[in-house]
């Protein structure tokens, strides 16, 4: 019974912290934190191999043309 309440409380705390978490941040090389924008997200996806170069360029051009960079 005690394990149930500990698990339940942990789940509630996780849900509350997720709902009220600040904007996504990325750690810089020197440990500073900054907000991640769409262009940075594209850069990270390219570096991780989730996008190929042609997909990256297409999406980057769309971001620039929409003014969301």
PDB file of N, CA and C in Angstrom:
ATOM      1  N   UNK A   1       0.835  -1.193   0.000  1.00  0.00           N
ATOM      2  CA  UNK A   1       0.000   0.000   0.000  1.00  0.00           C
ATOM      3  C   UNK A   1       0.876   1.252   0.000  1.00  0.00           C
ATOM      4  N   UNK A   2       1.951   1.207   0.770  1.00  0.00           N
ATOM      5  CA  UNK A   2       2.857   2.354   0.834  1.00  0.00           C
ATOM      6  C   UNK A   2       3.534   2.621  -0.507  1.00  0.00           C
ATOM      7  N   UNK A   3       3.884   1.546  -1.207  1.00  0.00           N
ATOM      8  CA  UNK A   3       4.512   1.688  -2.519  1.00  0.00           C
ATOM      9  C   UNK A   3       3.567   2.364  -3.506  1.00  0.00           C
ATOM     10  N   UNK A   4       2.285   2.063  -3.404  1.00  0.00           N
ATOM     11  CA  UNK A   4       1.293   2.703  -4.261  1.00  0.00           C
ATOM     12  C   UNK A   4       1.304   4.212  -4.048  1.00  0.00           C
ATOM     13  N   UNK A   5       1.284   4.652  -2.790  1.00  0.00           N
ATOM     14  CA  UNK A   5       1.220   6.087  -2.504  1.00  0.00           C
ATOM     15  C   UNK A   5       2.505   6.804  -2.905  1.00  0.00           C
ATOM     16  N   UNK A   6       3.632   6.168  -2.725  1.00  0.00           N
ATOM     17  CA  UNK A   6       4.901   6.765  -3.152  1.00  0.00           C
ATOM     18  C   UNK A   6       4.914   6.905  -4.671  1.00  0.00           C
ATOM     19  N   UNK A   7       4.475   5.869  -5.385  1.00  0.00           N
ATOM     20  CA  UNK A   7       4.416   5.925  -6.850  1.00  0.00           C
ATOM     21  C   UNK A   7       3.418   6.973  -7.319  1.00  0.00           C
ATOM     22  N   UNK A   8       2.270   7.015  -6.669  1.00  0.00           N
ATOM     23  CA  UNK A   8       1.247   7.993  -7.046  1.00  0.00           C
ATOM     24  C   UNK A   8       1.736   9.412  -6.817  1.00  0.00           C
ATOM     25  N   UNK A   9       2.358   9.663  -5.681  1.00  0.00           N
ATOM     26  CA  UNK A   9       2.884  11.001  -5.392  1.00  0.00           C
ATOM     27  C   UNK A   9       3.979  11.384  -6.387  1.00  0.00           C
ATOM     28  N   UNK A  10       4.833  10.437  -6.732  1.00  0.00           N
ATOM     29  CA  UNK A  10       5.870  10.705  -7.729  1.00  0.00           C
ATOM     30  C   UNK A  10       5.283  11.045  -9.082  1.00  0.00           C
ATOM     31  N   UNK A  11       4.241  10.342  -9.475  1.00  0.00           N
ATOM     32  CA  UNK A  11       3.576  10.618 -10.747  1.00  0.00           C
ATOM     33  C   UNK A  11       2.936  11.999 -10.740  1.00  0.00           C
ATOM     34  N   UNK A  12       2.299  12.368  -9.641  1.00  0.00           N
ATOM     35  CA  UNK A  12       1.677  13.693  -9.533  1.00  0.00           C
ATOM     36  C   UNK A  12       2.734  14.785  -9.597  1.00  0.00           C
ATOM     37  N   UNK A  13       3.836  14.620  -8.881  1.00  0.00           N
ATOM     38  CA  UNK A  13       4.909  15.623  -8.916  1.00  0.00           C
ATOM     39  C   UNK A  13       5.512  15.751 -10.313  1.00  0.00           C
ATOM     40  N   UNK A  14       5.705  14.620 -10.979  1.00  0.00           N
ATOM     41  CA  UNK A  14       6.235  14.665 -12.346  1.00  0.00           C
ATOM     42  C   UNK A  14       5.276  15.411 -13.276  1.00  0.00           C
ATOM     43  N   UNK A  15       3.979  15.125 -13.164  1.00  0.00           N
ATOM     44  CA  UNK A  15       2.987  15.762 -14.036  1.00  0.00           C
ATOM     45  C   UNK A  15       2.945  17.268 -13.791  1.00  0.00           C
ATOM     46  N   UNK A  16       2.971  17.684 -12.550  1.00  0.00           N
ATOM     47  CA  UNK A  16       2.935  19.112 -12.238  1.00  0.00           C
ATOM     48  C   UNK A  16       4.195  19.800 -12.738  1.00  0.00           C
ATOM     49  N   UNK A  17       5.349  19.180 -12.542  1.00  0.00           N
ATOM     50  CA  UNK A  17       6.593  19.806 -13.008  1.00  0.00           C
ATOM     51  C   UNK A  17       6.643  19.873 -14.528  1.00  0.00           C
ATOM     52  N   UNK A  18       6.060  18.900 -15.212  1.00  0.00           N
ATOM     53  CA  UNK A  18       6.023  18.920 -16.676  1.00  0.00           C
ATOM     54  C   UNK A  18       5.083  20.003 -17.184  1.00  0.00           C
ATOM     55  N   UNK A  19       3.954  20.167 -16.541  1.00  0.00           N
ATOM     56  CA  UNK A  19       2.987  21.172 -16.971  1.00  0.00           C
ATOM     57  C   UNK A  19       3.494  22.592 -16.777  1.00  0.00           C
ATOM     58  N   UNK A  20       4.218  22.816 -15.710  1.00  0.00           N
ATOM     59  CA  UNK A  20       4.670  24.162 -15.385  1.00  0.00           C
ATOM     60  C   UNK A  20       6.149  24.377 -15.646  1.00  0.00           C
ATOM     61  N   UNK A  21       6.742  23.544 -16.474  1.00  0.00           N
ATOM     62  CA  UNK A  21       8.163  23.668 -16.801  1.00  0.00           C
ATOM     63  C   UNK A  21       8.389  24.905 -17.659  1.00  0.00           C
ATOM     64  N   UNK A  22       9.538  25.549 -17.505  1.00  0.00           N
ATOM     65  CA  UNK A  22       9.861  26.696 -18.361  1.00  0.00           C
ATOM     66  C   UNK A  22      10.066  26.248 -19.804  1.00  0.00           C
ATOM     67  N   UNK A  23      10.276  27.208 -20.686  1.00  0.00           N
ATOM     68  CA  UNK A  23      10.495  26.909 -22.101  1.00  0.00           C
ATOM     69  C   UNK A  23      11.679  25.959 -22.255  1.00  0.00           C
ATOM     70  N   UNK A  24      11.694  25.240 -23.383  1.00  0.00           N
ATOM     71  CA  UNK A  24      12.807  24.333 -23.638  1.00  0.00           C
ATOM     72  C   UNK A  24      14.102  25.115 -23.637  1.00  0.00           C
ATOM     73  N   UNK A  25      15.121  24.547 -23.033  1.00  0.00           N
ATOM     74  CA  UNK A  25      16.430  25.192 -23.013  1.00  0.00           C
ATOM     75  C   UNK A  25      17.479  24.191 -23.439  1.00  0.00           C
ATOM     76  N   UNK A  26      18.580  24.715 -23.933  1.00  0.00           N
ATOM     77  CA  UNK A  26      19.702  23.869 -24.310  1.00  0.00           C
ATOM     78  C   UNK A  26      20.929  24.348 -23.551  1.00  0.00           C
ATOM     79  N   UNK A  27      21.743  23.427 -23.121  1.00  0.00           N
ATOM     80  CA  UNK A  27      22.974  23.803 -22.434  1.00  0.00           C
ATOM     81  C   UNK A  27      24.024  24.164 -23.468  1.00  0.00           C
ATOM     82  N   UNK A  28      24.633  25.306 -23.271  1.00  0.00           N
ATOM     83  CA  UNK A  28      25.723  25.713 -24.135  1.00  0.00           C
ATOM     84  C   UNK A  28      26.999  25.010 -23.725  1.00  0.00           C
ATOM     85  N   UNK A  29      28.066  25.233 -24.475  1.00  0.00           N
ATOM     86  CA  UNK A  29      29.334  24.589 -24.154  1.00  0.00           C
ATOM     87  C   UNK A  29      29.881  25.042 -22.815  1.00  0.00           C
ATOM     88  N   UNK A  30      29.608  26.289 -22.449  1.00  0.00           N
ATOM     89  CA  UNK A  30      30.120  26.800 -21.178  1.00  0.00           C
ATOM     90  C   UNK A  30      29.106  26.659 -20.047  1.00  0.00           C
ATOM     91  N   UNK A  31      28.044  25.885 -20.269  1.00  0.00           N
ATOM     92  CA  UNK A  31      27.082  25.622 -19.216  1.00  0.00           C
ATOM     93  C   UNK A  31      25.942  26.606 -19.127  1.00  0.00           C
ATOM     94  N   UNK A  32      25.936  27.642 -19.966  1.00  0.00           N
ATOM     95  CA  UNK A  32      24.826  28.590 -19.916  1.00  0.00           C
ATOM     96  C   UNK A  32      23.597  27.973 -20.571  1.00  0.00           C
ATOM     97  N   UNK A  33      22.448  28.442 -20.160  1.00  0.00           N
ATOM     98  CA  UNK A  33      21.214  27.934 -20.737  1.00  0.00           C
ATOM     99  C   UNK A  33      20.591  29.023 -21.597  1.00  0.00           C
ATOM    100  N   UNK A  34      19.996  28.609 -22.682  1.00  0.00           N
ATOM    101  CA  UNK A  34      19.306  29.560 -23.548  1.00  0.00           C
ATOM    102  C   UNK A  34      18.103  28.864 -24.146  1.00  0.00           C
ATOM    103  N   UNK A  35      17.138  29.663 -24.552  1.00  0.00           N
ATOM    104  CA  UNK A  35      15.931  29.087 -25.146  1.00  0.00           C
ATOM    105  C   UNK A  35      16.254  28.530 -26.523  1.00  0.00           C
ATOM    106  N   UNK A  36      15.685  27.394 -26.832  1.00  0.00           N
ATOM    107  CA  UNK A  36      15.898  26.758 -28.129  1.00  0.00           C
ATOM    108  C   UNK A  36      14.829  27.262 -29.089  1.00  0.00           C
ATOM    109  N   UNK A  37      15.257  27.850 -30.200  1.00  0.00           N
ATOM    110  CA  UNK A  37      14.281  28.274 -31.198  1.00  0.00           C
ATOM    111  C   UNK A  37      14.232  27.240 -32.325  1.00  0.00           C
ATOM    112  N   UNK A  38      13.386  27.504 -33.303  1.00  0.00           N
ATOM    113  CA  UNK A  38      13.187  26.530 -34.379  1.00  0.00           C
ATOM    114  C   UNK A  38      14.456  26.281 -35.186  1.00  0.00           C
ATOM    115  N   UNK A  39      15.241  27.331 -35.437  1.00  0.00           N
ATOM    116  CA  UNK A  39      16.472  27.166 -36.209  1.00  0.00           C
ATOM    117  C   UNK A  39      17.469  26.294 -35.446  1.00  0.00           C
ATOM    118  N   UNK A  40      17.577  26.502 -34.136  1.00  0.00           N
ATOM    119  CA  UNK A  40      18.468  25.660 -33.331  1.00  0.00           C
ATOM    120  C   UNK A  40      18.000  24.212 -33.338  1.00  0.00           C
ATOM    121  N   UNK A  41      16.689  24.021 -33.290  1.00  0.00           N
ATOM    122  CA  UNK A  41      16.133  22.672 -33.323  1.00  0.00           C
ATOM    123  C   UNK A  41      16.497  21.980 -34.638  1.00  0.00           C
ATOM    124  N   UNK A  42      16.421  22.717 -35.733  1.00  0.00           N
ATOM    125  CA  UNK A  42      16.826  22.141 -37.028  1.00  0.00           C
ATOM    126  C   UNK A  42      18.302  21.753 -37.019  1.00  0.00           C
ATOM    127  N   UNK A  43      19.146  22.632 -36.465  1.00  0.00           N
ATOM    128  CA  UNK A  43      20.574  22.340 -36.391  1.00  0.00           C
ATOM    129  C   UNK A  43      20.837  21.068 -35.589  1.00  0.00           C
ATOM    130  N   UNK A  44      20.136  20.935 -34.469  1.00  0.00           N
ATOM    131  CA  UNK A  44      20.308  19.749 -33.636  1.00  0.00           C
ATOM    132  C   UNK A  44      19.853  18.487 -34.366  1.00  0.00           C
ATOM    133  N   UNK A  45      18.733  18.581 -35.079  1.00  0.00           N
ATOM    134  CA  UNK A  45      18.223  17.417 -35.813  1.00  0.00           C
ATOM    135  C   UNK A  45      19.185  17.004 -36.921  1.00  0.00           C
ATOM    136  N   UNK A  46      19.813  17.981 -37.581  1.00  0.00           N
ATOM    137  CA  UNK A  46      20.804  17.665 -38.607  1.00  0.00           C
ATOM    138  C   UNK A  46      22.017  16.990 -37.974  1.00  0.00           C
ATOM    139  N   UNK A  47      22.475  17.527 -36.848  1.00  0.00           N
ATOM    140  CA  UNK A  47      23.646  16.963 -36.178  1.00  0.00           C
ATOM    141  C   UNK A  47      23.389  15.547 -35.682  1.00  0.00           C
ATOM    142  N   UNK A  48      22.176  15.256 -35.280  1.00  0.00           N
ATOM    143  CA  UNK A  48      21.832  13.918 -34.786  1.00  0.00           C
ATOM    144  C   UNK A  48      21.576  12.934 -35.922  1.00  0.00           C
ATOM    145  N   UNK A  49      21.524  13.433 -37.153  1.00  0.00           N
ATOM    146  CA  UNK A  49      21.263  12.563 -38.296  1.00  0.00           C
ATOM    147  C   UNK A  49      19.793  12.308 -38.544  1.00  0.00           C
ATOM    148  N   UNK A  50      18.926  13.093 -37.891  1.00  0.00           N
ATOM    149  CA  UNK A  50      17.488  12.920 -38.081  1.00  0.00           C
ATOM    150  C   UNK A  50      17.017  13.546 -39.386  1.00  0.00           C
ATOM    151  N   UNK A  51      17.813  14.443 -39.960  1.00  0.00           N
ATOM    152  CA  UNK A  51      17.514  15.079 -41.244  1.00  0.00           C
ATOM    153  C   UNK A  51      18.721  14.915 -42.150  1.00  0.00           C
ATOM    154  N   UNK A  52      18.460  14.787 -43.455  1.00  0.00           N
ATOM    155  CA  UNK A  52      19.580  14.852 -44.376  1.00  0.00           C
ATOM    156  C   UNK A  52      19.746  16.314 -44.804  1.00  0.00           C
ATOM    157  N   UNK A  53      20.794  16.608 -45.540  1.00  0.00           N
ATOM    158  CA  UNK A  53      21.128  17.998 -45.860  1.00  0.00           C
ATOM    159  C   UNK A  53      20.038  18.664 -46.695  1.00  0.00           C
ATOM    160  N   UNK A  54      19.461  17.950 -47.646  1.00  0.00           N
ATOM    161  CA  UNK A  54      18.430  18.562 -48.490  1.00  0.00           C
ATOM    162  C   UNK A  54      17.170  18.875 -47.675  1.00  0.00           C
ATOM    163  N   UNK A  55      16.791  17.983 -46.740  1.00  0.00           N
ATOM    164  CA  UNK A  55      15.638  18.259 -45.876  1.00  0.00           C
ATOM    165  C   UNK A  55      15.924  19.459 -44.982  1.00  0.00           C
ATOM    166  N   UNK A  56      17.149  19.513 -44.455  1.00  0.00           N
ATOM    167  CA  UNK A  56      17.551  20.624 -43.600  1.00  0.00           C
ATOM    168  C   UNK A  56      17.436  21.956 -44.339  1.00  0.00           C
ATOM    169  N   UNK A  57      17.984  21.992 -45.558  1.00  0.00           N
ATOM    170  CA  UNK A  57      17.960  23.242 -46.332  1.00  0.00           C
ATOM    171  C   UNK A  57      16.527  23.654 -46.663  1.00  0.00           C
ATOM    172  N   UNK A  58      15.687  22.704 -47.014  1.00  0.00           N
ATOM    173  CA  UNK A  58      14.289  23.002 -47.331  1.00  0.00           C
ATOM    174  C   UNK A  58      13.570  23.578 -46.120  1.00  0.00           C
ATOM    175  N   UNK A  59      13.715  22.927 -44.985  1.00  0.00           N
ATOM    176  CA  UNK A  59      13.048  23.400 -43.771  1.00  0.00           C
ATOM    177  C   UNK A  59      13.607  24.741 -43.301  1.00  0.00           C
ATOM    178  N   UNK A  60      14.919  24.922 -43.410  1.00  0.00           N
ATOM    179  CA  UNK A  60      15.534  26.187 -43.018  1.00  0.00           C
ATOM    180  C   UNK A  60      15.026  27.330 -43.901  1.00  0.00           C
ATOM    181  N   UNK A  61      14.930  27.079 -45.207  1.00  0.00           N
ATOM    182  CA  UNK A  61      14.421  28.106 -46.118  1.00  0.00           C
ATOM    183  C   UNK A  61      12.966  28.456 -45.805  1.00  0.00           C
ATOM    184  N   UNK A  62      12.168  27.452 -45.426  1.00  0.00           N
ATOM    185  CA  UNK A  62      10.784  27.727 -45.049  1.00  0.00           C
ATOM    186  C   UNK A  62      10.722  28.556 -43.763  1.00  0.00           C
ATOM    187  N   UNK A  63      11.599  28.265 -42.808  1.00  0.00           N
ATOM    188  CA  UNK A  63      11.630  29.047 -41.576  1.00  0.00           C
ATOM    189  C   UNK A  63      12.003  30.500 -41.864  1.00  0.00           C
ATOM    190  N   UNK A  64      13.007  30.689 -42.700  1.00  0.00           N
ATOM    191  CA  UNK A  64      13.466  32.045 -43.019  1.00  0.00           C
ATOM    192  C   UNK A  64      12.370  32.812 -43.743  1.00  0.00           C
ATOM    193  N   UNK A  65      11.683  32.161 -44.681  1.00  0.00           N
ATOM    194  CA  UNK A  65      10.643  32.857 -45.428  1.00  0.00           C
ATOM    195  C   UNK A  65       9.413  33.168 -44.563  1.00  0.00           C
ATOM    196  N   UNK A  66       9.193  32.352 -43.523  1.00  0.00           N
ATOM    197  CA  UNK A  66       8.045  32.609 -42.648  1.00  0.00           C
ATOM    198  C   UNK A  66       8.398  33.577 -41.528  1.00  0.00           C
ATOM    199  N   UNK A  67       9.689  33.910 -41.380  1.00  0.00           N
ATOM    200  CA  UNK A  67      10.098  34.843 -40.348  1.00  0.00           C
ATOM    201  C   UNK A  67      10.178  34.231 -38.965  1.00  0.00           C
ATOM    202  N   UNK A  68      10.253  32.912 -38.842  1.00  0.00           N
ATOM    203  CA  UNK A  68      10.269  32.235 -37.546  1.00  0.00           C
ATOM    204  C   UNK A  68      11.665  31.760 -37.166  1.00  0.00           C
ATOM    205  N   UNK A  69      12.698  32.470 -37.547  1.00  0.00           N
ATOM    206  CA  UNK A  69      14.063  32.019 -37.207  1.00  0.00           C
ATOM    207  C   UNK A  69      14.630  32.777 -36.073  1.00  0.00           C
TER     208      UNK A  69
END
